[in-house]
Protein backbone atom coordinates (compact mmCIF):
# COMPACT_ATOMS: atom_id res chain seq x y z
CA MET A 1 0.00 0.00 0.00
CA HIS A 2 1.22 3.51 -0.77
CA ALA A 3 2.60 5.54 2.10
CA SER A 4 0.11 8.06 3.47
CA ARG A 5 1.30 11.58 4.07
CA PRO A 6 0.24 13.58 7.15
CA LEU A 7 -2.31 16.37 6.92
CA ASP A 8 -0.61 19.78 7.10
CA ASN A 9 -2.87 20.94 9.90
CA LEU A 10 -1.97 18.00 12.11
CA ASN A 11 1.44 19.65 12.33
CA GLU A 12 2.08 23.04 13.90
CA THR A 13 1.79 25.00 10.65
CA LYS A 14 -1.41 26.10 8.95
CA PRO A 15 -2.47 24.08 5.90
CA LYS A 16 -1.61 25.91 2.67
CA VAL A 17 -3.85 26.37 -0.34
CA ALA A 18 -2.44 27.90 -3.52
CA ILE A 19 -4.61 29.82 -5.97
CA GLN A 20 -3.34 30.73 -9.44
CA ARG A 21 -5.07 32.35 -12.38
CA CYS A 22 -5.11 30.56 -15.73
CA GLU A 23 -7.62 31.66 -18.31
CA VAL A 24 -7.14 29.13 -21.12
CA TYR A 25 -6.13 25.52 -21.72
CA ASP A 26 -2.89 26.44 -23.44
CA SER A 27 -0.26 23.80 -22.60
CA GLU A 28 2.50 26.28 -21.74
CA LYS A 29 0.24 28.51 -19.66
CA VAL A 30 -1.27 25.57 -17.82
CA TYR A 31 2.17 24.14 -17.04
CA SER A 32 3.33 27.54 -15.79
CA ALA A 33 0.26 27.90 -13.55
CA LEU A 34 0.63 24.39 -12.13
CA LYS A 35 4.34 24.84 -11.49
CA SER A 36 3.76 28.21 -9.81
CA SER A 37 1.06 26.66 -7.61
CA VAL A 38 3.30 23.81 -6.54
CA ASP A 39 6.28 26.13 -5.99
CA LEU A 40 4.14 28.22 -3.63
CA LEU A 41 3.57 25.05 -1.61
CA GLY A 42 7.27 24.20 -1.44
CA GLY A 43 8.15 22.75 -4.83
CA ILE A 44 7.46 19.42 -6.54
CA ASP A 45 10.37 17.68 -4.80
CA LEU A 46 8.55 18.16 -1.50
CA PHE A 47 5.75 15.87 -2.66
CA PHE A 48 7.35 13.24 -4.90
CA LYS A 49 10.68 11.47 -4.63
CA ARG A 50 12.92 10.01 -7.32
CA GLY A 51 11.86 6.51 -8.30
CA GLU A 52 8.41 6.70 -6.68
CA ARG A 53 5.48 5.38 -8.67
CA VAL A 54 2.78 8.07 -8.61
CA LEU A 55 -0.87 7.51 -9.50
CA LEU A 56 -2.32 10.56 -11.26
CA LYS A 57 -6.03 10.34 -10.42
CA PRO A 58 -8.05 12.63 -12.74
CA ASN A 59 -11.84 12.79 -12.84
CA LEU A 60 -12.75 10.37 -15.64
CA LEU A 61 -16.47 10.30 -14.92
CA VAL A 62 -17.90 9.61 -18.34
CA ALA A 63 -16.84 9.36 -21.99
CA LYS A 64 -17.42 12.93 -23.16
CA PRO A 65 -15.16 15.38 -25.01
CA ALA A 66 -12.96 17.68 -22.93
CA GLU A 67 -15.04 20.76 -23.77
CA ALA A 68 -18.05 19.23 -21.95
CA ALA A 69 -16.15 19.91 -18.68
CA ALA A 70 -17.21 16.55 -17.23
CA THR A 71 -13.62 15.33 -16.92
CA THR A 72 -10.25 16.76 -15.93
CA HIS A 73 -8.82 18.56 -18.95
CA PRO A 74 -5.95 16.86 -20.83
CA SER A 75 -3.68 19.90 -20.47
CA ILE A 76 -3.92 19.65 -16.67
CA VAL A 77 -2.92 15.98 -16.81
CA LYS A 78 -0.10 16.76 -19.25
CA ALA A 79 1.36 19.47 -17.00
CA ALA A 80 1.04 17.21 -13.95
CA ILE A 81 2.88 14.40 -15.76
CA SER A 82 5.70 16.81 -16.60
CA LEU A 83 6.04 17.94 -12.98
CA VAL A 84 6.09 14.38 -11.66
CA LYS A 85 8.77 13.43 -14.19
CA GLU A 86 10.83 16.47 -13.19
CA ALA A 87 10.87 15.12 -9.64
CA GLY A 88 12.29 11.87 -10.99
CA ALA A 89 9.11 9.96 -10.14
CA ILE A 90 7.18 7.61 -12.43
CA PRO A 91 3.64 8.72 -13.34
CA VAL A 92 0.74 6.42 -14.18
CA VAL A 93 -2.81 7.64 -14.90
CA GLY A 94 -5.81 5.75 -13.55
CA ASP A 95 -9.45 5.89 -12.45
CA SER A 96 -12.55 3.72 -12.13
CA PRO A 97 -15.53 5.31 -13.91
CA GLY A 98 -19.06 4.37 -12.92
CA ILE A 99 -19.65 3.00 -16.43
CA GLY A 100 -17.05 1.76 -18.87
CA SER A 101 -13.29 1.81 -18.50
CA ALA A 102 -10.80 4.55 -17.69
CA ILE A 103 -9.09 3.90 -21.01
CA LYS A 104 -12.35 4.41 -22.94
CA VAL A 105 -13.09 7.68 -21.15
CA ALA A 106 -9.47 8.83 -21.59
CA ARG A 107 -9.71 8.25 -25.32
CA LYS A 108 -12.88 10.31 -25.62
CA CYS A 109 -11.62 13.32 -23.61
CA GLY A 110 -8.13 13.39 -25.14
CA ILE A 111 -6.09 12.14 -22.19
CA ALA A 112 -5.18 8.85 -23.92
CA ASP A 113 -3.44 10.61 -26.80
CA LEU A 114 -1.26 12.75 -24.55
CA CYS A 115 -0.36 9.76 -22.36
CA LYS A 116 0.75 7.86 -25.45
CA GLU A 117 2.76 10.89 -26.56
CA MET A 118 4.45 11.17 -23.15
CA GLY A 119 4.99 7.45 -22.64
CA VAL A 120 2.67 7.17 -19.64
CA LYS A 121 0.48 4.15 -18.96
CA ILE A 122 -3.27 4.42 -18.33
CA ILE A 123 -4.68 1.83 -15.95
CA ASP A 124 -8.17 0.81 -14.90
CA LEU A 125 -8.71 0.66 -11.16
CA LYS A 126 -10.63 -2.61 -11.38
CA ASP A 127 -9.57 -5.19 -8.78
CA SER A 128 -11.00 -4.76 -5.27
CA VAL A 129 -9.14 -5.69 -2.11
CA THR A 130 -10.23 -5.16 1.49
CA VAL A 131 -8.02 -2.97 3.66
CA LEU A 132 -8.23 -1.69 7.22
CA ASN A 133 -8.60 2.04 7.86
CA PRO A 134 -7.36 2.65 11.43
CA ASN A 135 -7.48 6.44 11.00
CA GLY A 136 -11.13 6.43 9.97
CA LYS A 137 -13.64 7.93 12.39
CA THR A 138 -16.59 5.81 11.28
CA PHE A 139 -15.47 3.47 8.51
CA LYS A 140 -12.65 1.19 9.63
CA ARG A 141 -12.60 -1.01 6.55
CA PHE A 142 -12.79 -0.34 2.81
CA GLU A 143 -12.80 -2.24 -0.47
CA ILE A 144 -10.32 -0.31 -2.59
CA ALA A 145 -8.87 -0.85 -6.06
CA LYS A 146 -5.67 -2.84 -5.64
CA GLU A 147 -4.04 -0.76 -8.35
CA ALA A 148 -4.51 2.41 -6.27
CA LEU A 149 -2.75 0.78 -3.32
CA GLU A 150 0.21 -0.59 -5.24
CA VAL A 151 1.63 2.86 -6.08
CA ASP A 152 3.85 4.83 -3.71
CA THR A 153 1.55 7.84 -3.55
CA ILE A 154 -1.24 9.76 -5.33
CA LEU A 155 -1.48 13.04 -7.23
CA ASN A 156 -5.19 13.88 -7.09
CA LEU A 157 -6.46 15.82 -10.16
CA PRO A 158 -10.16 16.71 -9.71
CA LYS A 159 -12.38 18.90 -11.84
CA ALA A 160 -14.30 21.69 -10.08
CA LYS A 161 -17.93 20.68 -10.63
CA THR A 162 -21.34 20.68 -9.04
CA HIS A 163 -22.78 17.40 -7.77
CA ALA A 164 -26.48 16.69 -7.20
CA GLN A 165 -25.90 14.55 -4.12
CA MET A 166 -22.71 16.08 -2.64
CA PHE A 167 -23.28 19.72 -3.75
CA LEU A 168 -19.76 19.97 -5.21
CA THR A 169 -17.22 17.37 -6.29
CA LEU A 170 -13.71 18.60 -5.49
CA GLY A 171 -10.64 17.08 -3.86
CA ILE A 172 -12.25 14.73 -1.33
CA LYS A 173 -15.02 13.41 -3.58
CA ASN A 174 -12.62 12.70 -6.47
CA LEU A 175 -10.98 9.94 -4.41
CA PHE A 176 -14.21 7.90 -4.64
CA GLY A 177 -12.74 6.87 -7.99
CA CYS A 178 -10.35 4.63 -6.02
CA VAL A 179 -13.37 2.46 -5.23
CA VAL A 180 -13.95 0.04 -8.10
CA GLY A 181 -16.91 1.09 -10.24
CA LYS A 182 -19.00 -2.01 -9.61
CA ARG A 183 -18.57 -1.52 -5.83
CA LYS A 184 -19.84 2.08 -5.84
CA PRO A 185 -23.56 1.16 -5.88
CA GLN A 186 -23.06 -0.83 -2.68
CA TRP A 187 -21.93 2.31 -0.87
CA HIS A 188 -24.95 4.22 -2.18
CA LEU A 189 -27.25 1.47 -0.98
CA SER A 190 -25.68 1.34 2.48
CA ALA A 191 -25.80 5.15 2.76
CA GLY A 192 -29.43 5.24 1.66
CA ILE A 193 -30.69 8.81 1.67
CA ASP A 194 -28.62 9.92 4.64
CA THR A 195 -26.30 12.40 2.95
CA ASN A 196 -24.14 12.86 6.04
CA TYR A 197 -23.49 9.13 6.26
CA PHE A 198 -22.22 9.06 2.69
CA ALA A 199 -20.15 12.20 3.31
CA ARG A 200 -18.53 10.58 6.36
CA MET A 201 -17.56 7.65 4.19
CA LEU A 202 -15.89 10.00 1.71
CA VAL A 203 -13.94 11.78 4.46
CA ASP A 204 -12.77 8.47 5.92
CA LEU A 205 -11.79 7.31 2.44
CA TYR A 206 -9.71 10.46 2.11
CA LEU A 207 -7.96 9.67 5.40
CA LEU A 208 -7.12 6.25 4.00
CA MET A 209 -5.90 7.28 0.55
CA ARG A 210 -4.31 10.60 1.62
CA PRO A 211 -2.89 11.98 -1.67
CA SER A 212 0.46 13.76 -1.40
CA LEU A 213 -0.83 16.60 -3.55
CA THR A 214 -4.14 17.70 -5.07
CA ILE A 215 -4.40 20.09 -8.03
CA VAL A 216 -7.91 21.13 -9.05
CA ASP A 217 -8.82 22.00 -12.63
CA GLY A 218 -10.87 25.17 -12.23
CA ILE A 219 -10.05 26.79 -15.56
CA ILE A 220 -13.40 25.70 -16.95
CA GLY A 221 -15.60 24.20 -14.23
CA MET A 222 -19.15 22.88 -14.33
CA GLU A 223 -22.23 24.49 -12.77
CA GLY A 224 -25.89 23.52 -12.66
CA ASN A 225 -26.81 19.89 -13.32
CA GLY A 226 -23.40 18.37 -12.48
CA PRO A 227 -21.36 16.28 -12.34
CA GLY A 228 -21.96 14.91 -15.83
CA SER A 229 -24.53 17.07 -17.61
CA GLY A 230 -24.14 20.57 -16.19
CA ASP A 231 -23.01 23.70 -18.00
CA PRO A 232 -19.34 24.55 -18.52
CA ARG A 233 -18.45 27.72 -16.60
CA LYS A 234 -15.22 29.65 -17.01
CA LEU A 235 -13.56 30.16 -13.62
CA GLY A 236 -10.00 30.83 -14.79
CA LEU A 237 -8.44 29.31 -11.67
CA ILE A 238 -6.19 26.47 -10.53
CA PHE A 239 -6.10 25.40 -6.89
CA ALA A 240 -3.49 23.22 -5.18
CA SER A 241 -2.83 21.85 -1.71
CA SER A 242 -1.57 18.80 0.16
CA ASP A 243 -4.69 19.05 2.36
CA CYS A 244 -8.01 18.30 0.63
CA ILE A 245 -10.14 19.50 3.52
CA ALA A 246 -8.56 22.96 3.52
CA LEU A 247 -8.54 22.96 -0.28
CA ASP A 248 -12.25 22.14 -0.62
CA THR A 249 -13.01 24.82 1.98
CA ILE A 250 -11.29 27.55 -0.03
CA ILE A 251 -12.75 26.45 -3.37
CA THR A 252 -16.27 26.35 -1.93
CA MET A 253 -15.85 29.90 -0.64
CA THR A 254 -14.38 31.06 -3.96
CA LEU A 255 -17.46 29.79 -5.75
CA GLY A 256 -19.66 31.77 -3.38
CA ALA A 257 -20.94 29.13 -0.95
CA ASN A 258 -20.50 28.55 2.77
CA PRO A 259 -18.22 25.57 3.53
CA GLU A 260 -20.96 24.11 5.76
CA GLU A 261 -23.09 23.66 2.64
CA LEU A 262 -20.63 21.03 1.38
CA PRO A 263 -21.56 17.79 3.21
CA VAL A 264 -17.99 16.47 3.38
CA LEU A 265 -16.82 19.68 5.05
CA LYS A 266 -19.80 19.72 7.40
CA VAL A 267 -19.07 16.24 8.74
CA ALA A 268 -15.30 16.90 8.83
CA ALA A 269 -15.95 19.91 11.07
CA GLU A 270 -18.36 17.93 13.26
CA ASP A 271 -15.83 15.11 13.67
CA GLY A 272 -12.84 17.41 14.21
CA ILE A 273 -11.03 16.22 11.07
CA GLY A 274 -8.81 18.68 9.26
CA GLU A 275 -9.32 22.43 9.04
CA THR A 276 -12.51 23.99 7.73
CA ASN A 277 -12.04 27.42 9.33
CA PRO A 278 -10.70 29.72 6.58
CA CYS A 279 -9.05 31.92 9.21
CA ARG A 280 -6.73 29.03 10.02
CA ILE A 281 -5.83 28.26 6.40
CA ALA A 282 -2.88 29.96 4.70
CA ILE A 283 -3.84 31.08 1.18
CA VAL A 284 -0.86 31.70 -1.09
CA GLY A 285 -0.81 33.15 -4.60
CA GLU A 286 -3.95 35.02 -5.57
CA LYS A 287 -6.19 36.57 -2.91
CA ILE A 288 -9.53 34.85 -2.50
CA GLU A 289 -11.32 38.22 -2.38
CA GLU A 290 -10.10 38.96 -5.91
CA CYS A 291 -11.02 35.54 -7.31
CA ARG A 292 -14.59 35.05 -6.11
CA ILE A 293 -16.98 33.80 -8.77
CA SER A 294 -20.28 35.66 -8.93
CA GLY A 295 -23.53 34.00 -9.90
CA PHE A 296 -22.23 30.44 -9.86
CA LYS A 297 -25.19 28.06 -10.30
CA PHE A 298 -25.19 25.48 -7.53
CA PRO A 299 -27.41 22.38 -7.51
CA GLU A 300 -30.36 22.20 -5.15
CA LYS A 301 -29.19 21.28 -1.67
CA VAL A 302 -29.87 17.70 -0.65
CA VAL A 303 -31.27 17.59 2.88
CA SER A 304 -30.17 14.62 4.95
CA THR A 305 -33.32 12.73 5.87
CA ASN A 306 -32.37 10.31 8.61
CA PHE A 307 -35.30 10.89 10.97
CA SER A 308 -35.50 7.28 12.19
CA ALA A 309 -33.89 8.08 15.55
CA ILE A 310 -36.47 10.81 16.24
CA PHE A 311 -39.80 9.69 14.82
CA PRO A 312 -41.69 6.38 14.62
CA PRO A 313 -41.51 4.60 11.23
CA PHE A 314 -44.89 5.72 9.84
CA ILE A 315 -44.02 9.40 10.46
CA GLU A 316 -40.40 9.01 9.40
CA ARG A 317 -41.42 7.63 5.99
CA ARG A 318 -43.73 10.58 5.29
CA LEU A 319 -41.18 13.16 6.43
CA ARG A 320 -38.48 11.55 4.32
CA LYS A 321 -40.66 11.70 1.22
CA ALA A 322 -41.56 15.35 1.83
CA VAL A 323 -37.99 16.47 2.45
CA ALA A 324 -35.79 14.38 0.18
CA SER A 325 -34.59 15.64 -3.18
CA ARG A 326 -35.43 13.15 -5.89
CA PRO A 327 -34.40 12.60 -9.50
CA ARG A 328 -36.73 14.05 -12.11
CA ILE A 329 -36.75 12.74 -15.68
CA GLU A 330 -37.17 15.15 -18.57
CA HIS A 331 -38.76 12.67 -20.93
CA LYS A 332 -38.36 14.84 -24.03
CA ARG A 333 -34.57 14.60 -23.66
CA CYS A 334 -34.54 10.90 -22.70
CA THR A 335 -33.44 8.47 -25.45
CA LEU A 336 -34.37 5.30 -23.50
CA CYS A 337 -30.73 4.19 -23.55
CA ASP A 338 -31.15 2.15 -20.31
CA ILE A 339 -27.96 3.52 -18.69
CA CYS A 340 -29.91 4.91 -15.73
CA ILE A 341 -31.67 1.57 -15.24
CA ASP A 342 -28.36 -0.31 -15.27
CA THR A 343 -26.81 2.25 -12.89
CA CYS A 344 -29.59 2.45 -10.26
CA PRO A 345 -28.28 0.85 -7.02
CA PRO A 346 -31.69 -0.21 -5.59
CA GLY A 347 -32.94 -1.28 -9.04
CA ILE A 348 -36.17 0.71 -8.91
CA MET A 349 -36.11 2.17 -12.45
CA THR A 350 -38.02 0.50 -15.26
CA LYS A 351 -38.69 1.17 -18.93
CA GLU A 352 -42.10 1.00 -20.51
CA SER A 353 -43.00 3.70 -23.03
CA LYS A 354 -40.78 5.90 -20.85
CA ILE A 355 -38.46 5.56 -17.87
CA MET A 356 -40.28 5.21 -14.58
CA ILE A 357 -38.94 5.50 -11.01
CA GLU A 358 -40.51 3.86 -7.97
CA MET A 359 -40.14 6.97 -5.83
CA ASP A 360 -41.08 5.34 -2.52
CA SER A 361 -37.95 3.19 -2.84
CA CYS A 362 -35.63 5.89 -4.24
CA ILE A 363 -32.55 6.47 -2.04
CA SER A 364 -31.66 9.85 -3.63
CA CYS A 365 -28.15 8.75 -4.58
CA PHE A 366 -28.50 10.46 -8.00
CA CYS A 367 -26.42 7.78 -9.73
CA CYS A 368 -28.96 7.94 -12.57
CA GLN A 369 -28.53 11.69 -12.88
CA GLU A 370 -24.75 11.42 -12.67
CA MET A 371 -24.43 8.83 -15.44
CA CYS A 372 -27.18 10.01 -17.84
CA PRO A 373 -25.31 10.91 -21.05
CA HIS A 374 -28.05 13.24 -22.30
CA GLY A 375 -28.71 15.43 -19.25
CA ALA A 376 -32.26 14.09 -19.13
CA ILE A 377 -32.29 13.68 -15.33
CA THR A 378 -32.24 16.57 -12.88
CA SER A 379 -33.10 16.88 -9.19
CA LYS A 380 -36.30 18.10 -7.58
CA ARG A 381 -36.59 19.04 -3.91
CA GLY A 382 -39.37 17.74 -1.71
CA TRP A 383 -42.00 20.31 -0.79
CA LEU A 384 -40.87 20.46 2.85
CA ALA A 385 -37.17 20.85 2.02
CA ARG A 386 -37.37 24.57 1.32
CA PHE A 387 -38.29 25.18 4.98
CA ILE A 388 -35.24 23.31 6.29
CA LYS A 389 -31.94 25.15 6.44
């Protein structure tokens, strides 16, 4: 298993988050911005050592072209490969998409071509092994892709996007790709519609995988109906840190939201993991006040609906239905491709003349919305949700 690196804020110093401007996906400009970001954090040699095998973990969600902003842009991966090689380390690119293979997605978004050009292997994270997680607060055991554990360390390369279930998908959420695709529905089923439970799993997974460095592609992000079918939004920013909790905090604020609105940061703060107080995070490079994004379109907030400890079952079921956000199918855009049916963890979607969802059994995991290739599934809040803050 790769060696985990300590969180910055577990030491005496504040965790650092670097912000750099980069307006376009020009290879030279992207490399310069990435190198400047890493230099502000101490230089690439601080994170990767000569001879180490480094997994570059981009967001390879779905096979769409780079301009759709559903995946990490090839120029970000190319610059990251160059930096890892400069440290004398050995880069390999890998992920485990929800549908299909990493290689197939990489071909579609342009990452495969650059990896071939640079002599870097692309691997599918496909073989699950069970490992203990002694640092986890709640989840002490995980099934993780063996390939992600056989490297020396990880360079995490997320895309800044919205996410129907988790509000945003940034540094912490991107590591869910280290769970083999066919195992992901099991986590959604076990989490049910308790958003905080799923968020706690993601935070504990982060504590297990602990990437040495995370660089977030925020040049063109995604807003609205993310993470797969939202609208590309120019942000013109690159973020970097060795601490994903601090990093996600600063990005969330830059986009105009309160960190507490991001479920993974909410549970991290509740459990005393990492640093979510921006006053105790050292921002280097650009000033956050000068980089804030106005009018960013967030998804509807998913309200955690675990009322079972408070109310009897017959009341809990009604409250859950009234509060929970649910997937909504726009039938005019639906092509009846069956991907949502095949993706649905509880198996409650069927196809007749149109796609139907058994809403009483829906767990609000939004896997259908995430994997729909046509943007035909959005989210709809329960009528009671608007009264709950």
